Protein backbone atom coordinates (compact mmCIF):
# COMPACT_ATOMS: atom_id res chain seq x y z
CA UNK A 1 0.00 0.00 0.00
CA UNK A 2 1.33 3.44 -0.95
CA UNK A 3 1.84 5.99 1.79
CA UNK A 4 -0.64 8.87 1.75
CA UNK A 5 -1.32 12.20 3.40
CA UNK A 6 -2.02 11.87 7.17
CA UNK A 7 -0.10 8.56 7.38
CA UNK A 8 2.77 8.22 9.82
CA UNK A 9 6.06 7.29 8.17
CA UNK A 10 6.76 3.59 8.68
CA UNK A 11 9.42 2.54 11.13
CA UNK A 12 12.68 1.46 9.60
CA UNK A 13 16.27 2.39 8.99
CA UNK A 14 18.05 4.35 6.29
CA UNK A 15 21.70 5.26 5.85
CA UNK A 16 23.68 8.42 5.32
CA UNK A 17 27.35 8.82 4.47
CA UNK A 18 28.79 11.10 7.15
CA UNK A 19 31.76 13.25 6.07
CA UNK A 20 32.80 14.54 9.50
CA UNK A 21 32.95 12.44 12.64
CA UNK A 22 30.73 13.63 15.49
CA UNK A 23 29.53 12.15 18.77
CA UNK A 24 27.62 9.03 17.79
CA UNK A 25 28.46 9.22 14.07
CA UNK A 26 31.63 7.90 12.52
CA UNK A 27 32.97 8.90 9.13
CA UNK A 28 31.35 6.77 6.44
CA UNK A 29 27.96 5.08 6.23
CA UNK A 30 25.84 5.44 9.36
CA UNK A 31 22.50 3.72 9.91
CA UNK A 32 19.66 5.83 11.35
CA UNK A 33 16.25 4.99 12.75
CA UNK A 34 13.62 6.98 10.82
CA UNK A 35 11.37 7.41 13.88
CA UNK A 36 14.20 9.14 15.74
CA UNK A 37 15.27 11.27 12.76
CA UNK A 38 11.82 12.79 12.21
CA UNK A 39 10.77 13.23 15.83
CA UNK A 40 9.78 16.84 16.45
CA UNK A 41 11.00 18.03 13.04
CA UNK A 42 9.49 19.35 9.84
CA UNK A 43 11.26 17.71 6.90
CA UNK A 44 10.89 17.93 3.15
CA UNK A 45 11.80 14.60 1.58
CA UNK A 46 12.22 14.20 -2.15
CA UNK A 47 12.75 10.79 -3.67
CA UNK A 48 14.59 10.08 -6.89
CA UNK A 49 15.06 6.96 -9.04
CA UNK A 50 18.84 7.18 -8.91
CA UNK A 51 21.93 9.14 -8.04
CA UNK A 52 23.83 10.70 -10.93
CA UNK A 53 20.88 10.23 -13.31
CA UNK A 54 20.04 13.12 -15.68
CA UNK A 55 16.83 14.64 -14.28
CA UNK A 56 17.82 13.96 -10.69
CA UNK A 57 21.21 15.65 -11.12
CA UNK A 58 20.24 18.53 -13.40
CA UNK A 59 16.86 19.50 -11.94
CA UNK A 60 15.68 17.76 -8.78
CA UNK A 61 18.67 18.20 -6.43
CA UNK A 62 19.64 21.65 -7.82
CA UNK A 63 16.10 22.94 -7.27
CA UNK A 64 16.09 22.00 -3.60
CA UNK A 65 19.59 23.45 -3.19
CA UNK A 66 18.58 26.71 -4.87
CA UNK A 67 15.52 27.13 -2.62
CA UNK A 68 17.07 25.90 0.65
CA UNK A 69 16.81 29.30 2.38
CA UNK A 70 13.14 29.66 1.38
CA UNK A 71 12.31 26.28 2.89
CA UNK A 72 14.08 27.30 6.10
CA UNK A 73 12.04 30.53 6.23
CA UNK A 74 8.87 28.45 5.90
CA UNK A 75 9.79 26.37 8.97
CA UNK A 76 11.43 23.35 7.32
CA UNK A 77 14.15 21.94 9.59
CA UNK A 78 15.78 19.58 7.07
CA UNK A 79 15.65 18.58 3.42
CA UNK A 80 16.36 14.97 2.50
CA UNK A 81 17.13 13.46 -0.87
CA UNK A 82 16.10 9.80 -0.75
CA UNK A 83 17.07 7.06 -3.19
CA UNK A 84 17.57 3.33 -3.59
CA UNK A 85 21.34 3.64 -3.76
CA UNK A 86 23.97 2.71 -1.21
CA UNK A 87 25.32 5.30 1.23
CA UNK A 88 28.70 5.46 -0.56
CA UNK A 89 27.01 6.45 -3.83
CA UNK A 90 24.70 8.95 -2.11
CA UNK A 91 27.70 10.48 -0.32
CA UNK A 92 29.63 10.81 -3.59
CA UNK A 93 26.58 12.30 -5.31
CA UNK A 94 26.15 14.81 -2.48
CA UNK A 95 29.78 15.89 -2.89
CA UNK A 96 29.30 16.16 -6.66
CA UNK A 97 26.13 18.24 -6.23
CA UNK A 98 27.70 20.31 -3.41
CA UNK A 99 24.77 19.66 -1.07
CA UNK A 100 26.93 20.31 2.03
CA UNK A 101 24.75 20.73 5.09
CA UNK A 102 21.73 21.86 3.03
CA UNK A 103 20.44 18.45 1.86
CA UNK A 104 20.88 15.15 3.65
CA UNK A 105 21.55 12.41 1.09
CA UNK A 106 19.66 9.42 2.50
CA UNK A 107 20.29 5.92 1.19
CA UNK A 108 18.01 2.90 1.04
CA UNK A 109 20.49 0.52 -0.55
CA UNK A 110 18.30 -2.58 -0.43
CA UNK A 111 15.04 -0.78 -1.19
CA UNK A 112 13.42 -2.10 1.98
CA UNK A 113 12.30 1.29 3.27
CA UNK A 114 11.08 2.28 -0.19
CA UNK A 115 8.90 -0.86 -0.16
CA UNK A 116 7.49 0.13 3.25
CA UNK A 117 6.52 3.48 1.71
CA UNK A 118 4.91 1.65 -1.20
CA UNK A 119 6.94 3.74 -3.63
CA UNK A 120 8.88 1.02 -5.47
CA UNK A 121 9.48 1.51 -9.18
CA UNK A 122 10.45 -1.48 -11.34
CA UNK A 123 13.25 -0.42 -13.67
CA UNK A 124 14.65 -3.90 -14.29
CA UNK A 125 13.94 -3.60 -18.03
CA UNK A 126 16.31 -0.62 -18.10
CA UNK A 127 18.95 -2.54 -16.11
CA UNK A 128 18.41 -0.48 -12.96
CA UNK A 129 16.55 -2.97 -10.77
CA UNK A 130 13.90 -1.82 -8.32
CA UNK A 131 14.16 1.89 -7.56
CA UNK A 132 12.19 4.61 -5.84
CA UNK A 133 9.47 6.56 -7.60
CA UNK A 134 10.12 10.26 -7.98
CA UNK A 135 8.22 12.11 -5.24
CA UNK A 136 8.25 14.91 -2.72
CA UNK A 137 6.62 15.03 0.69
CA UNK A 138 6.37 17.28 3.70
CA UNK A 139 6.65 15.39 6.98
CA UNK A 140 5.85 16.97 10.35
CA UNK A 141 6.82 14.97 13.45
CA UNK A 142 6.66 11.78 11.38
CA UNK A 143 3.26 12.47 9.76
CA UNK A 144 2.90 13.10 6.01
CA UNK A 145 1.32 16.52 5.44
CA UNK A 146 1.93 16.92 1.68
CA UNK A 147 2.68 14.23 -0.90
CA UNK A 148 3.44 14.53 -4.61
CA UNK A 149 4.14 11.34 -6.56
CA UNK A 150 5.26 11.63 -10.17
CA UNK A 151 3.94 9.53 -13.03
CA UNK A 152 6.69 7.30 -14.48
CA UNK A 153 9.21 9.31 -16.49
CA UNK A 154 7.77 12.67 -15.41
CA UNK A 155 9.11 15.64 -13.44
CA UNK A 156 6.08 17.86 -12.91
CA UNK A 157 4.78 17.71 -9.32
CA UNK A 158 7.76 16.88 -7.10
CA UNK A 159 9.99 19.90 -7.70
CA UNK A 160 11.20 22.29 -5.04
CA UNK A 161 9.15 25.04 -6.63
CA UNK A 162 5.93 23.01 -6.41
CA UNK A 163 6.57 22.13 -2.76
CA UNK A 164 7.21 25.80 -1.96
CA UNK A 165 3.97 26.73 -3.71
CA UNK A 166 2.12 24.19 -1.55
CA UNK A 167 3.70 25.58 1.60
CA UNK A 168 2.24 29.00 0.74
């Protein structure tokens, strides 16, 4: 079943490649519990089919980077880019896109969390395996407040600009 507005995000774990060691986080891939990450926060999450792919790299990530300050002014605590890629790839893509501390590059290497969201996308025919559908969502304290899921091959409703429009 696909996640929808007013649903609580499912429990589970995702990974992030951490560039700088901090208390509780070592350099490299770190596993995080989603329930703990979203607790008490307002987060914009945008999902992409794959790191380093054309639309994701030229439009999706750059749009959220460009509008980072506007999201902050509207009360968004964090922006996450989410994909069925491993944490090493997501970390490298974040460096390539210069996301810095503006966008957290969250990895779901096995696609398990994507399946819990009901947002799997079968790209085996293209040699890409099972991926994540392109989407954007606003999550407040773990509850989905806005959700935009793209039709296959489209980039129309999940952009940073559309999410900002929805936030008013």
